[in-house]
Structures are given as C-alpha cells and as structure tokens.
Amino acid sequence: MADDKTKTGGGDRGRVAAGQGYEVRYFASKHGITRQQAEDLIKRVGNDRDKLNAAAQKMKGR
C-alpha cells in the first residue's frame, strides 16, 4: 500500500526518509552539504532528524 502523505504525525517529523529524494535534498540544502554527503550521513547515523542535524553541524565545522 502506498504511503498516505496526508497522515503524518510527530513520528514522521522526527525522521528523514532516505527513500524520499525531496527530503534528502531538503536536508542537504538546509545544512549546505551535498546530497551524497546527506545520504552517507543517513547510512552512518540513521534517520533520526536530531542526530542527523548534529552530525551535519559537526561535518560543516571541519
């Protein structure tokens, strides 16, 4: 069954859906990193938005 995008909740907001290109592009753009870097972070850290935000900030600080 297809994902019903009208039924979102708190759980959806706390995750970055790696399979949804627009979410990965938005995350990458928000943090000033490439899409590939964002995908690598998701693979390494998981899809928890708070953890990803922290990891992206560390990456930018290098």
PDB file of N, CA and C in Angstrom:
ATOM      1  N   MET A   1       0.841  -1.171   0.000  1.00  0.00           N
ATOM      2  CA  MET A   1       0.000   0.000   0.000  1.00  0.00           C
ATOM      3  C   MET A   1       0.888   1.237   0.000  1.00  0.00           C
ATOM      4  N   ALA A   2       0.497   2.228  -0.738  1.00  0.00           N
ATOM      5  CA  ALA A   2       1.272   3.462  -0.853  1.00  0.00           C
ATOM      6  C   ALA A   2       1.233   4.251   0.453  1.00  0.00           C
ATOM      7  N   ASP A   3       2.298   4.994   0.686  1.00  0.00           N
ATOM      8  CA  ASP A   3       2.391   5.843   1.868  1.00  0.00           C
ATOM      9  C   ASP A   3       1.389   6.987   1.730  1.00  0.00           C
ATOM     10  N   ASP A   4       0.507   7.128   2.698  1.00  0.00           N
ATOM     11  CA  ASP A   4      -0.500   8.187   2.672  1.00  0.00           C
ATOM     12  C   ASP A   4       0.100   9.451   3.276  1.00  0.00           C
ATOM     13  N   LYS A   5       0.486  10.392   2.438  1.00  0.00           N
ATOM     14  CA  LYS A   5       1.168  11.598   2.895  1.00  0.00           C
ATOM     15  C   LYS A   5       0.249  12.556   3.648  1.00  0.00           C
ATOM     16  N   THR A   6      -1.066  12.284   3.664  1.00  0.00           N
ATOM     17  CA  THR A   6      -1.976  13.121   4.433  1.00  0.00           C
ATOM     18  C   THR A   6      -2.011  12.711   5.894  1.00  0.00           C
ATOM     19  N   LYS A   7      -1.474  11.547   6.201  1.00  0.00           N
ATOM     20  CA  LYS A   7      -1.479  11.048   7.581  1.00  0.00           C
ATOM     21  C   LYS A   7      -0.068  11.103   8.142  1.00  0.00           C
ATOM     22  N   THR A   8       0.324  12.293   8.545  1.00  0.00           N
ATOM     23  CA  THR A   8       1.643  12.465   9.147  1.00  0.00           C
ATOM     24  C   THR A   8       1.462  12.833  10.607  1.00  0.00           C
ATOM     25  N   GLY A   9       2.441  12.527  11.374  1.00  0.00           N
ATOM     26  CA  GLY A   9       2.370  12.829  12.794  1.00  0.00           C
ATOM     27  C   GLY A   9       3.744  13.159  13.320  1.00  0.00           C
ATOM     28  N   GLY A  10       3.858  13.210  14.621  1.00  0.00           N
ATOM     29  CA  GLY A  10       5.118  13.535  15.264  1.00  0.00           C
ATOM     30  C   GLY A  10       6.247  12.612  14.868  1.00  0.00           C
ATOM     31  N   GLY A  11       5.947  11.327  14.697  1.00  0.00           N
ATOM     32  CA  GLY A  11       6.973  10.369  14.312  1.00  0.00           C
ATOM     33  C   GLY A  11       7.581  10.681  12.963  1.00  0.00           C
ATOM     34  N   ASP A  12       6.765  11.136  12.030  1.00  0.00           N
ATOM     35  CA  ASP A  12       7.264  11.486  10.705  1.00  0.00           C
ATOM     36  C   ASP A  12       8.171  12.706  10.754  1.00  0.00           C
ATOM     37  N   ARG A  13       7.878  13.626  11.609  1.00  0.00           N
ATOM     38  CA  ARG A  13       8.682  14.851  11.682  1.00  0.00           C
ATOM     39  C   ARG A  13      10.047  14.602  12.303  1.00  0.00           C
ATOM     40  N   GLY A  14      10.178  13.542  13.058  1.00  0.00           N
ATOM     41  CA  GLY A  14      11.432  13.249  13.729  1.00  0.00           C
ATOM     42  C   GLY A  14      12.378  12.394  12.906  1.00  0.00           C
ATOM     43  N   ARG A  15      11.995  12.090  11.672  1.00  0.00           N
ATOM     44  CA  ARG A  15      12.801  11.218  10.830  1.00  0.00           C
ATOM     45  C   ARG A  15      13.020  11.855   9.464  1.00  0.00           C
ATOM     46  N   VAL A  16      14.146  11.492   8.847  1.00  0.00           N
ATOM     47  CA  VAL A  16      14.403  11.879   7.459  1.00  0.00           C
ATOM     48  C   VAL A  16      14.232  10.611   6.635  1.00  0.00           C
ATOM     49  N   ALA A  17      13.301  10.634   5.707  1.00  0.00           N
ATOM     50  CA  ALA A  17      13.026   9.461   4.879  1.00  0.00           C
ATOM     51  C   ALA A  17      14.064   9.384   3.767  1.00  0.00           C
ATOM     52  N   ALA A  18      15.030   8.495   3.924  1.00  0.00           N
ATOM     53  CA  ALA A  18      16.115   8.381   2.954  1.00  0.00           C
ATOM     54  C   ALA A  18      15.609   7.985   1.579  1.00  0.00           C
ATOM     55  N   GLY A  19      14.486   7.307   1.509  1.00  0.00           N
ATOM     56  CA  GLY A  19      13.928   6.884   0.234  1.00  0.00           C
ATOM     57  C   GLY A  19      13.157   7.975  -0.487  1.00  0.00           C
ATOM     58  N   GLN A  20      12.967   9.107   0.157  1.00  0.00           N
ATOM     59  CA  GLN A  20      12.240  10.225  -0.453  1.00  0.00           C
ATOM     60  C   GLN A  20      13.263  11.289  -0.866  1.00  0.00           C
ATOM     61  N   GLY A  21      13.504  11.378  -2.163  1.00  0.00           N
ATOM     62  CA  GLY A  21      14.531  12.289  -2.674  1.00  0.00           C
ATOM     63  C   GLY A  21      14.367  13.715  -2.215  1.00  0.00           C
ATOM     64  N   TYR A  22      13.120  14.185  -2.153  1.00  0.00           N
ATOM     65  CA  TYR A  22      12.895  15.575  -1.758  1.00  0.00           C
ATOM     66  C   TYR A  22      13.303  15.815  -0.311  1.00  0.00           C
ATOM     67  N   GLU A  23      13.151  14.818   0.548  1.00  0.00           N
ATOM     68  CA  GLU A  23      13.563  15.006   1.951  1.00  0.00           C
ATOM     69  C   GLU A  23      15.078  15.055   2.060  1.00  0.00           C
ATOM     70  N   VAL A  24      15.758  14.206   1.309  1.00  0.00           N
ATOM     71  CA  VAL A  24      17.224  14.196   1.337  1.00  0.00           C
ATOM     72  C   VAL A  24      17.754  15.507   0.751  1.00  0.00           C
ATOM     73  N   ARG A  25      17.156  15.974  -0.350  1.00  0.00           N
ATOM     74  CA  ARG A  25      17.579  17.242  -0.947  1.00  0.00           C
ATOM     75  C   ARG A  25      17.366  18.403   0.018  1.00  0.00           C
ATOM     76  N   TYR A  26      16.223  18.419   0.700  1.00  0.00           N
ATOM     77  CA  TYR A  26      15.947  19.495   1.654  1.00  0.00           C
ATOM     78  C   TYR A  26      16.958  19.460   2.794  1.00  0.00           C
ATOM     79  N   PHE A  27      17.214  18.286   3.339  1.00  0.00           N
ATOM     80  CA  PHE A  27      18.164  18.153   4.441  1.00  0.00           C
ATOM     81  C   PHE A  27      19.548  18.639   4.002  1.00  0.00           C
ATOM     82  N   ALA A  28      19.984  18.228   2.819  1.00  0.00           N
ATOM     83  CA  ALA A  28      21.293  18.633   2.313  1.00  0.00           C
ATOM     84  C   ALA A  28      21.353  20.149   2.120  1.00  0.00           C
ATOM     85  N   SER A  29      20.318  20.710   1.527  1.00  0.00           N
ATOM     86  CA  SER A  29      20.271  22.147   1.295  1.00  0.00           C
ATOM     87  C   SER A  29      20.275  22.928   2.602  1.00  0.00           C
ATOM     88  N   LYS A  30      19.506  22.454   3.563  1.00  0.00           N
ATOM     89  CA  LYS A  30      19.405  23.116   4.868  1.00  0.00           C
ATOM     90  C   LYS A  30      20.772  23.229   5.541  1.00  0.00           C
ATOM     91  N   HIS A  31      21.596  22.202   5.356  1.00  0.00           N
ATOM     92  CA  HIS A  31      22.892  22.169   6.045  1.00  0.00           C
ATOM     93  C   HIS A  31      24.066  22.554   5.150  1.00  0.00           C
ATOM     94  N   GLY A  32      23.792  22.881   3.886  1.00  0.00           N
ATOM     95  CA  GLY A  32      24.869  23.293   2.987  1.00  0.00           C
ATOM     96  C   GLY A  32      25.824  22.164   2.647  1.00  0.00           C
ATOM     97  N   ILE A  33      25.303  20.946   2.542  1.00  0.00           N
ATOM     98  CA  ILE A  33      26.114  19.791   2.171  1.00  0.00           C
ATOM     99  C   ILE A  33      25.548  19.202   0.880  1.00  0.00           C
ATOM    100  N   THR A  34      26.309  18.314   0.262  1.00  0.00           N
ATOM    101  CA  THR A  34      25.832  17.692  -0.969  1.00  0.00           C
ATOM    102  C   THR A  34      24.814  16.605  -0.654  1.00  0.00           C
ATOM    103  N   ARG A  35      24.067  16.235  -1.667  1.00  0.00           N
ATOM    104  CA  ARG A  35      23.094  15.154  -1.484  1.00  0.00           C
ATOM    105  C   ARG A  35      23.813  13.855  -1.107  1.00  0.00           C
ATOM    106  N   GLN A  36      24.970  13.609  -1.739  1.00  0.00           N
ATOM    107  CA  GLN A  36      25.723  12.395  -1.431  1.00  0.00           C
ATOM    108  C   GLN A  36      26.182  12.398   0.029  1.00  0.00           C
ATOM    109  N   GLN A  37      26.633  13.541   0.523  1.00  0.00           N
ATOM    110  CA  GLN A  37      27.040  13.639   1.928  1.00  0.00           C
ATOM    111  C   GLN A  37      25.846  13.371   2.839  1.00  0.00           C
ATOM    112  N   ALA A  38      24.678  13.893   2.473  1.00  0.00           N
ATOM    113  CA  ALA A  38      23.473  13.664   3.270  1.00  0.00           C
ATOM    114  C   ALA A  38      23.112  12.181   3.285  1.00  0.00           C
ATOM    115  N   GLU A  39      23.176  11.533   2.123  1.00  0.00           N
ATOM    116  CA  GLU A  39      22.872  10.103   2.056  1.00  0.00           C
ATOM    117  C   GLU A  39      23.862   9.295   2.890  1.00  0.00           C
ATOM    118  N   ASP A  40      25.154   9.670   2.831  1.00  0.00           N
ATOM    119  CA  ASP A  40      26.169   8.982   3.630  1.00  0.00           C
ATOM    120  C   ASP A  40      25.897   9.148   5.124  1.00  0.00           C
ATOM    121  N   LEU A  41      25.497  10.352   5.533  1.00  0.00           N
ATOM    122  CA  LEU A  41      25.166  10.589   6.945  1.00  0.00           C
ATOM    123  C   LEU A  41      23.990   9.722   7.379  1.00  0.00           C
ATOM    124  N   ILE A  42      22.978   9.637   6.544  1.00  0.00           N
ATOM    125  CA  ILE A  42      21.803   8.835   6.886  1.00  0.00           C
ATOM    126  C   ILE A  42      22.193   7.373   7.043  1.00  0.00           C
ATOM    127  N   LYS A  43      23.058   6.881   6.170  1.00  0.00           N
ATOM    128  CA  LYS A  43      23.509   5.488   6.266  1.00  0.00           C
ATOM    129  C   LYS A  43      24.313   5.266   7.544  1.00  0.00           C
ATOM    130  N   ARG A  44      25.139   6.256   7.894  1.00  0.00           N
ATOM    131  CA  ARG A  44      26.019   6.108   9.049  1.00  0.00           C
ATOM    132  C   ARG A  44      25.297   6.345  10.377  1.00  0.00           C
ATOM    133  N   VAL A  45      24.461   7.380  10.442  1.00  0.00           N
ATOM    134  CA  VAL A  45      23.851   7.813  11.696  1.00  0.00           C
ATOM    135  C   VAL A  45      22.453   7.231  11.896  1.00  0.00           C
ATOM    136  N   GLY A  46      21.765   6.964  10.791  1.00  0.00           N
ATOM    137  CA  GLY A  46      20.372   6.538  10.873  1.00  0.00           C
ATOM    138  C   GLY A  46      19.487   7.690  10.433  1.00  0.00           C
ATOM    139  N   ASN A  47      18.177   7.547  10.585  1.00  0.00           N
ATOM    140  CA  ASN A  47      17.286   8.576  10.060  1.00  0.00           C
ATOM    141  C   ASN A  47      16.685   9.497  11.121  1.00  0.00           C
ATOM    142  N   ASP A  48      17.196   9.451  12.348  1.00  0.00           N
ATOM    143  CA  ASP A  48      16.722  10.340  13.402  1.00  0.00           C
ATOM    144  C   ASP A  48      17.164  11.773  13.092  1.00  0.00           C
ATOM    145  N   ARG A  49      16.202  12.669  12.936  1.00  0.00           N
ATOM    146  CA  ARG A  49      16.487  14.038  12.492  1.00  0.00           C
ATOM    147  C   ARG A  49      17.416  14.784  13.453  1.00  0.00           C
ATOM    148  N   ASP A  50      17.223  14.647  14.758  1.00  0.00           N
ATOM    149  CA  ASP A  50      18.079  15.359  15.719  1.00  0.00           C
ATOM    150  C   ASP A  50      19.529  14.895  15.612  1.00  0.00           C
ATOM    151  N   LYS A  51      19.736  13.592  15.510  1.00  0.00           N
ATOM    152  CA  LYS A  51      21.096  13.057  15.386  1.00  0.00           C
ATOM    153  C   LYS A  51      21.723  13.478  14.060  1.00  0.00           C
ATOM    154  N   LEU A  52      20.920  13.483  13.003  1.00  0.00           N
ATOM    155  CA  LEU A  52      21.433  13.902  11.698  1.00  0.00           C
ATOM    156  C   LEU A  52      21.804  15.378  11.696  1.00  0.00           C
ATOM    157  N   ASN A  53      20.965  16.211  12.313  1.00  0.00           N
ATOM    158  CA  ASN A  53      21.277  17.641  12.392  1.00  0.00           C
ATOM    159  C   ASN A  53      22.597  17.871  13.115  1.00  0.00           C
ATOM    160  N   ALA A  54      22.803  17.159  14.217  1.00  0.00           N
ATOM    161  CA  ALA A  54      24.046  17.300  14.980  1.00  0.00           C
ATOM    162  C   ALA A  54      25.246  16.831  14.160  1.00  0.00           C
ATOM    163  N   ALA A  55      25.100  15.718  13.465  1.00  0.00           N
ATOM    164  CA  ALA A  55      26.197  15.195  12.651  1.00  0.00           C
ATOM    165  C   ALA A  55      26.516  16.128  11.489  1.00  0.00           C
ATOM    166  N   ALA A  56      25.502  16.721  10.892  1.00  0.00           N
ATOM    167  CA  ALA A  56      25.715  17.643   9.788  1.00  0.00           C
ATOM    168  C   ALA A  56      26.434  18.900  10.274  1.00  0.00           C
ATOM    169  N   GLN A  57      26.084  19.375  11.455  1.00  0.00           N
ATOM    170  CA  GLN A  57      26.761  20.545  12.017  1.00  0.00           C
ATOM    171  C   GLN A  57      28.232  20.251  12.270  1.00  0.00           C
ATOM    172  N   LYS A  58      28.518  19.055  12.781  1.00  0.00           N
ATOM    173  CA  LYS A  58      29.914  18.667  13.013  1.00  0.00           C
ATOM    174  C   LYS A  58      30.673  18.608  11.691  1.00  0.00           C
ATOM    175  N   MET A  59      30.002  18.065  10.650  1.00  0.00           N
ATOM    176  CA  MET A  59      30.631  17.944   9.336  1.00  0.00           C
ATOM    177  C   MET A  59      30.983  19.318   8.787  1.00  0.00           C
ATOM    178  N   LYS A  60      30.085  20.273   8.940  1.00  0.00           N
ATOM    179  CA  LYS A  60      30.327  21.625   8.438  1.00  0.00           C
ATOM    180  C   LYS A  60      31.440  22.325   9.214  1.00  0.00           C
ATOM    181  N   GLY A  61      31.615  21.957  10.480  1.00  0.00           N
ATOM    182  CA  GLY A  61      32.614  22.591  11.325  1.00  0.00           C
ATOM    183  C   GLY A  61      34.032  22.162  11.027  1.00  0.00           C
ATOM    184  N   ARG A  62      34.197  21.158  10.179  1.00  0.00           N
ATOM    185  CA  ARG A  62      35.546  20.663   9.851  1.00  0.00           C
ATOM    186  C   ARG A  62      36.330  21.646   9.054  1.00  0.00           C
TER     187      ARG A  62
END
